[in-house]
Amino acid sequence: MFGHSTAWAGLQRDEQRVRQGFWPKAKRIAATLPFSQDLLAAYYCAFDRQTPAQVKAALFGALAYFVLPVDAMPDILPMLGYTDDALVLVTALRMVSGHIRDEHYEAARRALARNLSDIG
């Protein structure tokens, strides 16, 4: 039903959304999220040239969901707003766990240690 070109277009659209919106949103709220290290590790894995295309697709989908302002549970709701984002991310991470390497988590730790100040 869906062709290769449709899947490729979806991947490109998600990648573009992540490129444009990830760092501004991460800088605003990452310090308050309990899953911020996983979120950043997923980002670094998604943009790693060694990451297979199907893994990138899963990660870009989850990261695009995080970036989009409209989702199942509005992000402005205190305590609950990011639970759906976390669930989408955890699901993607479980699907691709063998591809997120120590270097991705190390890059995430370094970014968080710098408070994301010189990124993006």
N, C-alpha and C. Protein backbone atom coordinates (compact mmCIF):
# COMPACT_ATOMS: atom_id res chain seq x y z
N MET A 1 0.82 -1.18 0.00
CA MET A 1 0.00 0.00 0.00
C MET A 1 0.87 1.26 0.00
N PHE A 2 1.82 1.34 0.92
CA PHE A 2 2.72 2.48 0.93
C PHE A 2 3.98 2.10 0.20
N GLY A 3 4.42 2.97 -0.66
CA GLY A 3 5.61 2.70 -1.42
C GLY A 3 6.86 3.18 -0.71
N HIS A 4 7.98 2.80 -1.27
CA HIS A 4 9.27 3.19 -0.74
C HIS A 4 9.41 4.71 -0.71
N SER A 5 8.92 5.37 -1.76
CA SER A 5 9.04 6.83 -1.83
C SER A 5 8.21 7.52 -0.75
N THR A 6 7.07 6.93 -0.38
CA THR A 6 6.25 7.50 0.68
C THR A 6 6.96 7.38 2.02
N ALA A 7 7.56 6.24 2.29
CA ALA A 7 8.30 6.05 3.54
C ALA A 7 9.51 6.98 3.59
N TRP A 8 10.20 7.11 2.46
CA TRP A 8 11.37 7.99 2.41
C TRP A 8 10.97 9.44 2.65
N ALA A 9 9.85 9.86 2.08
CA ALA A 9 9.37 11.23 2.27
C ALA A 9 9.01 11.47 3.73
N GLY A 10 8.40 10.48 4.38
CA GLY A 10 8.06 10.60 5.80
C GLY A 10 9.31 10.72 6.65
N LEU A 11 10.33 9.93 6.35
CA LEU A 11 11.59 10.00 7.08
C LEU A 11 12.24 11.37 6.91
N GLN A 12 12.25 11.86 5.69
CA GLN A 12 12.83 13.18 5.43
C GLN A 12 12.07 14.29 6.16
N ARG A 13 10.76 14.19 6.18
CA ARG A 13 9.93 15.18 6.86
C ARG A 13 10.22 15.17 8.36
N ASP A 14 10.28 13.96 8.95
CA ASP A 14 10.57 13.86 10.37
C ASP A 14 11.97 14.38 10.69
N GLU A 15 12.94 14.04 9.84
CA GLU A 15 14.31 14.51 10.06
C GLU A 15 14.35 16.04 10.03
N GLN A 16 13.66 16.64 9.08
CA GLN A 16 13.64 18.10 8.98
C GLN A 16 12.99 18.75 10.21
N ARG A 17 11.90 18.16 10.68
CA ARG A 17 11.25 18.68 11.89
C ARG A 17 12.20 18.63 13.09
N VAL A 18 12.92 17.52 13.19
CA VAL A 18 13.86 17.36 14.30
C VAL A 18 14.99 18.37 14.17
N ARG A 19 15.54 18.52 12.97
CA ARG A 19 16.63 19.49 12.75
C ARG A 19 16.20 20.91 13.16
N GLN A 20 14.97 21.27 12.83
CA GLN A 20 14.51 22.64 13.09
C GLN A 20 14.06 22.86 14.53
N GLY A 21 13.43 21.87 15.13
CA GLY A 21 12.80 22.13 16.41
C GLY A 21 13.39 21.48 17.64
N PHE A 22 14.30 20.53 17.46
CA PHE A 22 14.77 19.77 18.62
C PHE A 22 15.52 20.63 19.64
N TRP A 23 16.58 21.31 19.20
CA TRP A 23 17.42 22.03 20.16
C TRP A 23 16.70 23.18 20.84
N PRO A 24 15.90 23.97 20.14
CA PRO A 24 15.17 25.02 20.86
C PRO A 24 14.28 24.46 21.98
N LYS A 25 13.58 23.36 21.70
CA LYS A 25 12.70 22.78 22.71
C LYS A 25 13.52 22.10 23.80
N ALA A 26 14.56 21.38 23.42
CA ALA A 26 15.41 20.71 24.41
C ALA A 26 16.03 21.72 25.37
N LYS A 27 16.48 22.84 24.84
CA LYS A 27 17.09 23.86 25.70
C LYS A 27 16.09 24.43 26.70
N ARG A 28 14.83 24.53 26.29
CA ARG A 28 13.80 25.08 27.18
C ARG A 28 13.43 24.13 28.30
N ILE A 29 13.41 22.82 28.02
CA ILE A 29 12.80 21.92 29.00
C ILE A 29 13.63 20.71 29.40
N ALA A 30 14.75 20.44 28.75
CA ALA A 30 15.48 19.20 29.02
C ALA A 30 15.86 19.04 30.48
N ALA A 31 16.22 20.11 31.14
CA ALA A 31 16.63 20.00 32.55
C ALA A 31 15.50 19.51 33.44
N THR A 32 14.26 19.67 33.01
CA THR A 32 13.13 19.27 33.84
C THR A 32 12.62 17.86 33.51
N LEU A 33 13.14 17.25 32.47
CA LEU A 33 12.66 15.94 32.05
C LEU A 33 13.49 14.81 32.65
N PRO A 34 12.84 13.82 33.24
CA PRO A 34 13.60 12.69 33.80
C PRO A 34 14.22 11.80 32.71
N PHE A 35 13.77 11.94 31.48
CA PHE A 35 14.30 11.12 30.40
C PHE A 35 15.17 11.91 29.43
N SER A 36 15.72 13.03 29.88
CA SER A 36 16.47 13.91 28.98
C SER A 36 17.74 13.24 28.42
N GLN A 37 18.43 12.43 29.22
CA GLN A 37 19.63 11.77 28.71
C GLN A 37 19.27 10.79 27.59
N ASP A 38 18.20 10.04 27.75
CA ASP A 38 17.75 9.12 26.71
C ASP A 38 17.31 9.89 25.46
N LEU A 39 16.64 11.00 25.68
CA LEU A 39 16.20 11.84 24.56
C LEU A 39 17.38 12.32 23.73
N LEU A 40 18.41 12.82 24.41
CA LEU A 40 19.59 13.32 23.71
C LEU A 40 20.38 12.18 23.07
N ALA A 41 20.48 11.05 23.73
CA ALA A 41 21.18 9.90 23.14
C ALA A 41 20.47 9.44 21.87
N ALA A 42 19.14 9.46 21.89
CA ALA A 42 18.37 9.11 20.70
C ALA A 42 18.67 10.08 19.56
N TYR A 43 18.76 11.36 19.90
CA TYR A 43 19.08 12.38 18.89
C TYR A 43 20.45 12.09 18.27
N TYR A 44 21.45 11.87 19.11
CA TYR A 44 22.79 11.63 18.58
C TYR A 44 22.85 10.34 17.76
N CYS A 45 22.13 9.34 18.16
CA CYS A 45 22.08 8.09 17.38
C CYS A 45 21.39 8.32 16.03
N ALA A 46 20.31 9.08 16.04
CA ALA A 46 19.55 9.33 14.80
C ALA A 46 20.40 10.05 13.76
N PHE A 47 21.30 10.91 14.20
CA PHE A 47 22.14 11.66 13.27
C PHE A 47 23.51 11.02 13.03
N ASP A 48 23.74 9.87 13.62
CA ASP A 48 25.00 9.16 13.42
C ASP A 48 24.98 8.49 12.04
N ARG A 49 26.02 8.72 11.26
CA ARG A 49 26.08 8.15 9.91
C ARG A 49 26.11 6.62 9.91
N GLN A 50 26.54 6.02 11.00
CA GLN A 50 26.62 4.56 11.08
C GLN A 50 25.30 3.91 11.45
N THR A 51 24.32 4.71 11.84
CA THR A 51 23.02 4.17 12.23
C THR A 51 22.24 3.74 11.00
N PRO A 52 21.72 2.51 10.98
CA PRO A 52 20.93 2.03 9.83
C PRO A 52 19.66 2.86 9.61
N ALA A 53 19.22 2.90 8.38
CA ALA A 53 18.07 3.73 7.99
C ALA A 53 16.80 3.38 8.78
N GLN A 54 16.53 2.10 9.02
CA GLN A 54 15.30 1.73 9.73
C GLN A 54 15.36 2.18 11.20
N VAL A 55 16.54 2.22 11.76
CA VAL A 55 16.71 2.71 13.13
C VAL A 55 16.50 4.23 13.15
N LYS A 56 17.09 4.91 12.16
CA LYS A 56 16.90 6.36 12.05
C LYS A 56 15.41 6.69 11.93
N ALA A 57 14.69 5.91 11.15
CA ALA A 57 13.26 6.15 10.95
C ALA A 57 12.51 6.08 12.28
N ALA A 58 12.79 5.06 13.08
CA ALA A 58 12.12 4.92 14.38
C ALA A 58 12.47 6.09 15.29
N LEU A 59 13.75 6.45 15.32
CA LEU A 59 14.18 7.53 16.20
C LEU A 59 13.67 8.89 15.74
N PHE A 60 13.74 9.15 14.44
CA PHE A 60 13.23 10.43 13.94
C PHE A 60 11.73 10.56 14.20
N GLY A 61 11.01 9.46 14.08
CA GLY A 61 9.57 9.50 14.38
C GLY A 61 9.31 9.89 15.83
N ALA A 62 10.06 9.27 16.76
CA ALA A 62 9.89 9.58 18.18
C ALA A 62 10.35 11.00 18.49
N LEU A 63 11.47 11.42 17.91
CA LEU A 63 11.97 12.77 18.16
C LEU A 63 11.06 13.83 17.55
N ALA A 64 10.49 13.54 16.38
CA ALA A 64 9.55 14.48 15.77
C ALA A 64 8.30 14.63 16.64
N TYR A 65 7.86 13.53 17.23
CA TYR A 65 6.71 13.58 18.14
C TYR A 65 7.02 14.50 19.32
N PHE A 66 8.24 14.41 19.84
CA PHE A 66 8.67 15.28 20.93
C PHE A 66 8.65 16.75 20.50
N VAL A 67 9.10 17.02 19.28
CA VAL A 67 9.22 18.39 18.79
C VAL A 67 7.87 19.01 18.48
N LEU A 68 6.95 18.22 17.94
CA LEU A 68 5.65 18.77 17.52
C LEU A 68 4.91 19.37 18.71
N PRO A 69 4.34 20.55 18.53
CA PRO A 69 3.65 21.21 19.63
C PRO A 69 2.30 20.58 19.97
N VAL A 70 1.73 19.84 19.06
CA VAL A 70 0.42 19.23 19.29
C VAL A 70 0.61 17.72 19.34
N ASP A 71 0.20 17.11 20.45
CA ASP A 71 0.26 15.66 20.55
C ASP A 71 -0.87 15.17 21.45
N ALA A 72 -0.84 13.90 21.79
CA ALA A 72 -1.95 13.29 22.52
C ALA A 72 -2.22 13.96 23.86
N MET A 73 -1.17 14.35 24.55
CA MET A 73 -1.32 15.03 25.83
C MET A 73 -0.55 16.34 25.75
N PRO A 74 -1.22 17.47 25.80
CA PRO A 74 -0.54 18.76 25.64
C PRO A 74 0.62 18.92 26.62
N ASP A 75 1.74 19.39 26.10
CA ASP A 75 2.96 19.53 26.91
C ASP A 75 2.83 20.57 28.01
N ILE A 76 1.84 21.42 27.93
CA ILE A 76 1.69 22.46 28.95
C ILE A 76 1.05 21.95 30.23
N LEU A 77 0.51 20.72 30.22
CA LEU A 77 -0.09 20.16 31.42
C LEU A 77 1.00 19.81 32.43
N PRO A 78 0.93 20.34 33.63
CA PRO A 78 1.96 20.03 34.63
C PRO A 78 2.03 18.53 34.91
N MET A 79 3.23 18.01 35.00
CA MET A 79 3.54 16.63 35.35
C MET A 79 3.08 15.60 34.31
N LEU A 80 2.04 15.84 33.59
CA LEU A 80 1.53 14.85 32.64
C LEU A 80 1.89 15.16 31.19
N GLY A 81 2.23 16.38 30.91
CA GLY A 81 2.40 16.84 29.54
C GLY A 81 3.41 16.08 28.71
N TYR A 82 4.44 15.53 29.33
CA TYR A 82 5.47 14.84 28.57
C TYR A 82 5.42 13.33 28.73
N THR A 83 4.38 12.80 29.40
CA THR A 83 4.31 11.35 29.56
C THR A 83 4.11 10.65 28.23
N ASP A 84 3.32 11.22 27.34
CA ASP A 84 3.14 10.59 26.03
C ASP A 84 4.43 10.66 25.22
N ASP A 85 5.16 11.77 25.33
CA ASP A 85 6.45 11.88 24.64
C ASP A 85 7.42 10.82 25.16
N ALA A 86 7.42 10.64 26.48
CA ALA A 86 8.30 9.64 27.09
C ALA A 86 7.93 8.24 26.62
N LEU A 87 6.64 7.94 26.55
CA LEU A 87 6.21 6.61 26.10
C LEU A 87 6.61 6.34 24.65
N VAL A 88 6.45 7.33 23.80
CA VAL A 88 6.85 7.17 22.40
C VAL A 88 8.36 6.95 22.32
N LEU A 89 9.12 7.73 23.08
CA LEU A 89 10.57 7.60 23.07
C LEU A 89 11.01 6.24 23.61
N VAL A 90 10.44 5.81 24.72
CA VAL A 90 10.80 4.51 25.31
C VAL A 90 10.50 3.38 24.34
N THR A 91 9.38 3.46 23.66
CA THR A 91 9.03 2.43 22.68
C THR A 91 10.07 2.39 21.56
N ALA A 92 10.44 3.55 21.04
CA ALA A 92 11.45 3.61 19.98
C ALA A 92 12.80 3.09 20.49
N LEU A 93 13.17 3.48 21.70
CA LEU A 93 14.45 3.03 22.26
C LEU A 93 14.49 1.52 22.43
N ARG A 94 13.40 0.93 22.85
CA ARG A 94 13.36 -0.53 22.98
C ARG A 94 13.50 -1.22 21.62
N MET A 95 12.92 -0.61 20.60
CA MET A 95 12.99 -1.19 19.26
C MET A 95 14.42 -1.17 18.72
N VAL A 96 15.18 -0.17 19.11
CA VAL A 96 16.50 0.04 18.49
C VAL A 96 17.63 0.01 19.51
N SER A 97 17.40 -0.55 20.67
CA SER A 97 18.34 -0.46 21.78
C SER A 97 19.76 -0.91 21.43
N GLY A 98 19.91 -1.87 20.58
CA GLY A 98 21.24 -2.34 20.20
C GLY A 98 22.03 -1.35 19.37
N HIS A 99 21.39 -0.31 18.89
CA HIS A 99 22.05 0.66 18.02
C HIS A 99 22.45 1.95 18.75
N ILE A 100 21.91 2.16 19.93
CA ILE A 100 22.31 3.34 20.70
C ILE A 100 23.52 2.93 21.52
N ARG A 101 24.64 3.50 21.14
CA ARG A 101 25.92 3.09 21.73
C ARG A 101 26.35 4.00 22.87
N ASP A 102 27.37 3.56 23.58
CA ASP A 102 27.90 4.34 24.70
C ASP A 102 28.29 5.74 24.26
N GLU A 103 28.81 5.88 23.06
CA GLU A 103 29.22 7.22 22.59
C GLU A 103 28.03 8.16 22.46
N HIS A 104 26.86 7.64 22.15
CA HIS A 104 25.66 8.48 22.07
C HIS A 104 25.26 8.96 23.47
N TYR A 105 25.33 8.05 24.45
CA TYR A 105 25.02 8.44 25.82
C TYR A 105 26.08 9.39 26.38
N GLU A 106 27.33 9.18 26.00
CA GLU A 106 28.39 10.09 26.47
C GLU A 106 28.18 11.50 25.90
N ALA A 107 27.82 11.59 24.63
CA ALA A 107 27.52 12.89 24.03
C ALA A 107 26.33 13.55 24.73
N ALA A 108 25.34 12.75 25.10
CA ALA A 108 24.17 13.28 25.82
C ALA A 108 24.59 13.80 27.20
N ARG A 109 25.43 13.05 27.91
CA ARG A 109 25.89 13.49 29.23
C ARG A 109 26.69 14.80 29.13
N ARG A 110 27.55 14.89 28.12
CA ARG A 110 28.33 16.12 27.93
C ARG A 110 27.42 17.31 27.65
N ALA A 111 26.43 17.11 26.79
CA ALA A 111 25.50 18.20 26.46
C ALA A 111 24.73 18.65 27.70
N LEU A 112 24.28 17.70 28.51
CA LEU A 112 23.56 18.06 29.72
C LEU A 112 24.47 18.74 30.73
N ALA A 113 25.71 18.31 30.81
CA ALA A 113 26.67 18.95 31.73
C ALA A 113 26.91 20.40 31.36
N ARG A 114 26.82 20.70 30.07
CA ARG A 114 26.99 22.08 29.60
C ARG A 114 25.66 22.84 29.62
N ASN A 115 24.62 22.21 30.12
CA ASN A 115 23.28 22.82 30.14
C ASN A 115 22.79 23.17 28.73
N LEU A 116 23.27 22.44 27.74
CA LEU A 116 22.87 22.62 26.35
C LEU A 116 23.15 24.03 25.83
N SER A 117 24.03 24.75 26.50
CA SER A 117 24.23 26.16 26.20
C SER A 117 24.89 26.44 24.85
N ASP A 118 25.76 25.59 24.39
CA ASP A 118 26.47 25.88 23.14
C ASP A 118 26.08 24.94 22.02
N ILE A 119 24.88 24.41 22.08
CA ILE A 119 24.41 23.43 21.10
C ILE A 119 23.25 24.02 20.31
N GLY A 120 23.14 23.55 19.08
CA GLY A 120 22.00 23.91 18.25
C GLY A 120 22.17 25.22 17.64
